[in-house]
Protein backbone atom coordinates (compact mmCIF):
# COMPACT_ATOMS: atom_id res chain seq x y z
CA MET A 1 110.44 -71.64 -43.31
CA ARG A 2 112.10 -68.38 -42.30
CA LEU A 3 109.92 -66.36 -44.68
CA PHE A 4 106.83 -68.11 -43.35
CA CYS A 5 107.76 -67.24 -39.75
CA VAL A 6 108.43 -63.64 -40.65
CA GLY A 7 105.05 -63.49 -42.38
CA VAL A 8 103.31 -64.91 -39.34
CA ALA A 9 105.08 -62.44 -37.05
CA VAL A 10 104.10 -59.49 -39.21
CA ALA A 11 100.52 -60.70 -39.41
CA ALA A 12 100.35 -61.07 -35.65
CA LEU A 13 101.70 -57.56 -35.18
CA VAL A 14 99.19 -56.08 -37.59
CA CYS A 15 96.27 -57.98 -36.06
CA GLY A 16 97.33 -56.99 -32.55
CA SER A 17 97.55 -53.29 -33.37
CA ALA A 18 94.28 -53.37 -35.27
CA THR A 19 92.39 -53.81 -32.02
CA TRP A 20 93.64 -50.35 -31.05
CA GLY A 21 92.70 -48.72 -34.34
CA GLU A 22 89.66 -46.84 -35.50
CA ALA A 23 86.28 -47.98 -34.20
CA THR A 24 82.77 -46.86 -35.05
CA GLY A 25 79.29 -47.50 -33.71
CA SER A 26 75.86 -46.02 -33.19
CA CYS A 27 73.07 -45.99 -30.66
CA ALA A 28 71.63 -48.91 -32.61
CA SER A 29 74.74 -51.09 -32.28
CA GLY A 30 76.58 -49.57 -29.33
CA LEU A 31 80.36 -49.45 -29.24
CA GLU A 32 82.95 -51.44 -27.32
CA ALA A 33 86.70 -51.04 -27.82
CA PRO A 34 89.89 -51.49 -25.75
CA LEU A 35 91.03 -48.46 -23.77
CA HIS A 36 94.28 -48.12 -21.82
CA ASP A 37 94.19 -47.79 -18.05
CA ARG A 38 95.61 -44.35 -17.11
CA GLY A 39 95.14 -43.20 -20.70
CA ALA A 40 93.66 -39.94 -22.01
CA LEU A 41 90.28 -39.69 -23.73
CA ALA A 42 89.12 -36.51 -25.50
CA VAL A 43 85.38 -36.39 -26.24
CA GLU A 44 83.66 -34.01 -28.67
CA SER A 45 79.87 -34.27 -28.69
CA PHE A 46 76.69 -32.76 -30.03
CA ALA A 47 74.19 -31.36 -27.51
CA THR A 48 72.77 -34.19 -25.40
CA GLY A 49 72.96 -35.83 -21.99
CA ILE A 50 76.18 -37.75 -21.25
CA THR A 51 77.14 -39.85 -18.26
CA VAL A 52 80.78 -40.94 -17.96
CA VAL A 53 81.36 -43.81 -15.54
CA GLY A 54 84.66 -45.27 -14.42
CA THR A 55 84.79 -49.08 -14.24
CA ASP A 56 87.31 -51.77 -13.30
CA GLY A 57 87.62 -52.89 -16.92
CA THR A 58 89.98 -51.80 -19.70
CA THR A 59 87.40 -51.07 -22.36
CA LEU A 60 85.36 -48.19 -23.70
CA LYS A 61 81.67 -49.08 -23.82
CA ILE A 62 78.92 -46.78 -25.12
CA THR A 63 75.19 -47.38 -24.74
CA CYS A 64 72.12 -45.20 -25.27
CA THR A 65 68.71 -44.73 -23.71
CA ASN A 66 65.59 -43.09 -25.16
CA ALA A 67 66.99 -42.85 -28.69
CA SER A 68 64.07 -42.11 -31.01
CA ASP A 69 66.30 -42.68 -34.05
CA PRO A 70 69.23 -44.84 -32.87
CA HIS A 71 70.86 -45.13 -36.30
CA ALA A 72 71.19 -41.32 -36.50
CA VAL A 73 73.54 -41.15 -33.50
CA ARG A 74 77.06 -42.25 -34.41
CA PHE A 75 80.32 -42.76 -32.49
CA HIS A 76 83.83 -42.56 -33.91
CA LEU A 77 86.93 -43.53 -31.91
CA THR A 78 90.39 -42.69 -33.25
CA GLY A 79 93.90 -42.05 -31.94
CA ASP A 80 96.83 -43.94 -30.51
CA PRO A 81 96.82 -46.30 -27.51
CA GLY A 82 96.57 -44.17 -24.40
CA ARG A 83 95.55 -41.03 -26.34
CA GLU A 84 92.17 -41.58 -27.95
CA GLN A 85 89.62 -39.18 -29.40
CA LEU A 86 85.90 -39.95 -29.34
CA THR A 87 83.47 -38.02 -31.53
CA LEU A 88 79.69 -38.23 -31.06
CA ARG A 89 77.46 -37.00 -33.88
CA SER A 90 73.72 -36.99 -34.61
CA ASP A 91 71.79 -36.22 -37.78
CA HIS A 92 69.15 -34.37 -35.77
CA HIS A 93 68.11 -33.47 -32.23
CA GLN A 94 66.57 -36.22 -30.11
CA ASP A 95 64.69 -35.28 -26.93
CA ASN A 96 65.61 -37.13 -23.73
CA LEU A 97 68.51 -39.01 -25.34
CA GLY A 98 71.00 -40.29 -22.81
CA ILE A 99 74.47 -41.59 -23.69
CA ARG A 100 76.46 -43.64 -21.18
CA ILE A 101 80.22 -43.89 -21.68
CA GLU A 102 82.07 -46.45 -19.57
CA VAL A 103 85.85 -46.09 -19.30
CA PRO A 104 88.62 -47.45 -17.05
CA HIS A 105 88.25 -45.59 -13.77
CA ARG A 106 91.83 -44.29 -14.06
CA THR A 107 91.25 -42.16 -17.17
CA ASN A 108 92.17 -38.56 -17.94
CA LEU A 109 89.04 -37.04 -19.46
CA ARG A 110 88.65 -34.02 -21.73
CA LEU A 111 85.07 -33.34 -22.83
CA HIS A 112 83.60 -30.50 -24.87
CA MET A 113 79.93 -30.13 -25.75
CA GLY A 114 77.89 -27.19 -26.96
CA ALA A 115 74.93 -27.69 -24.62
CA GLY A 116 73.47 -30.41 -22.45
CA GLU A 117 74.21 -32.25 -19.23
CA VAL A 118 77.43 -34.04 -18.29
CA THR A 119 77.72 -36.32 -15.26
CA VAL A 120 80.99 -37.96 -14.23
CA ASN A 121 81.14 -40.76 -11.66
CA ASN A 122 83.93 -42.93 -10.21
CA LEU A 123 86.73 -41.42 -12.30
CA GLU A 124 90.29 -41.19 -11.01
CA GLY A 125 92.22 -38.80 -13.23
CA ASN A 126 92.37 -35.28 -14.62
CA GLN A 127 89.01 -33.89 -15.74
CA ASP A 128 88.65 -30.99 -18.17
CA ILE A 129 85.02 -30.33 -19.11
CA ASP A 130 83.37 -27.33 -20.73
CA LEU A 131 79.90 -26.48 -22.02
CA TYR A 132 78.36 -23.41 -23.55
CA ALA A 133 75.09 -24.07 -21.73
CA GLY A 134 73.87 -26.75 -19.35
CA GLN A 135 75.05 -28.57 -16.26
CA ILE A 136 78.22 -30.37 -15.19
CA THR A 137 78.06 -32.75 -12.23
CA ILE A 138 81.27 -34.39 -11.01
CA SER A 139 81.52 -36.85 -8.13
CA ALA A 140 84.95 -35.75 -6.99
CA GLY A 141 85.38 -38.26 -4.16
CA ASP A 142 88.36 -37.62 -1.90
CA THR A 143 89.34 -33.92 -2.16
CA SER A 144 92.93 -34.77 -1.19
CA ASP A 145 93.34 -36.49 -4.58
CA TYR A 146 93.36 -33.11 -6.35
CA SER A 147 96.20 -30.61 -6.56
CA SER A 148 94.13 -28.10 -8.52
CA VAL A 149 90.39 -27.49 -8.84
CA HIS A 150 88.82 -24.70 -10.90
CA ALA A 151 85.10 -24.34 -11.65
CA SER A 152 83.54 -21.27 -13.26
CA VAL A 153 80.32 -20.02 -14.84
CA THR A 154 79.68 -16.78 -16.68
CA ILE A 155 76.02 -16.82 -15.64
CA GLY A 156 74.73 -19.43 -13.21
CA GLU A 157 75.84 -21.30 -10.13
CA VAL A 158 78.95 -23.05 -8.87
CA LYS A 159 78.41 -25.59 -6.12
CA ALA A 160 81.33 -27.48 -4.67
CA SER A 161 79.87 -29.19 -1.63
CA ALA A 162 83.02 -31.30 -1.24
CA TRP A 163 84.85 -28.01 -0.53
CA GLY A 164 81.96 -26.19 1.17
CA VAL A 165 81.32 -23.72 -1.67
CA ASP A 166 78.06 -22.43 -3.17
CA LYS A 167 78.08 -19.33 -5.40
CA GLY A 168 75.43 -18.02 -7.78
CA GLY A 169 75.14 -15.04 -10.12
CA PHE A 170 77.39 -13.52 -12.76
CA PHE A 171 81.05 -14.50 -13.29
CA ARG A 172 81.16 -16.97 -10.41
CA SER A 173 84.16 -19.22 -9.87
CA PHE A 174 85.90 -21.44 -7.37
CA THR A 175 89.61 -22.26 -7.31
CA ARG A 176 91.57 -24.43 -4.92
CA ASN A 177 95.26 -25.29 -5.26
CA THR A 178 97.24 -27.49 -2.89
CA ALA A 179 100.74 -28.89 -2.73
CA ASN A 180 99.39 -32.41 -2.52
CA GLY A 181 97.14 -34.40 -4.81
CA GLU A 182 97.75 -36.03 -8.17
CA TYR A 183 94.86 -34.83 -10.34
CA LYS A 184 93.26 -31.65 -11.64
CA ILE A 185 89.65 -30.63 -12.27
CA TYR A 186 88.74 -27.86 -14.68
CA ALA A 187 85.05 -27.23 -15.35
CA HIS A 188 83.46 -24.29 -17.16
CA VAL A 189 79.91 -23.48 -18.25
CA LEU A 190 79.04 -20.25 -20.03
CA THR A 191 75.43 -20.37 -18.81
CA GLY A 192 74.32 -23.01 -16.36
CA GLU A 193 75.45 -24.89 -13.29
CA ILE A 194 78.44 -26.81 -11.99
CA ASP A 195 78.15 -29.23 -9.09
CA LEU A 196 81.27 -30.82 -7.59
CA LYS A 197 80.22 -33.41 -5.02
């Protein structure tokens, strides 16, 4: 009986941890996996349009729009609970493809993409986003939530309407540091535009 109980306990432990293991999906199937509230998510993506939305749930959910070849776009989630890595890959370029990533609204986000458009809405956490070319749009919400904000472009425009800033041209940047606030925003585009609302 004791061996049976030990076996059941081990099986339960393995099954429980498996829900936090590796997960894969595609634009054809989508992807849904558990994600810790107040966790960190690092995203590496091919050039496309991405919208990251904070929700009241505790799951990662990925859906696509306008995918001409949905099986060619694949998602791969790895890492430990609270520190996950999400990789987005495509076999070829797809015009007008949009990828929506839903996460717990209290998530620390790190996102790198070669080119494209990134929009972040309803997220409460640190945000570190960089592109070689394209546009970053972040709905910052209450400016008092942030202890540090830095946005820069090598060529392009930095707009931070929440802080009353609008700069265009070469090597434009905006930095604001305060003693208060819990979170940080870092956004950089080599060529393009940053909009902090």
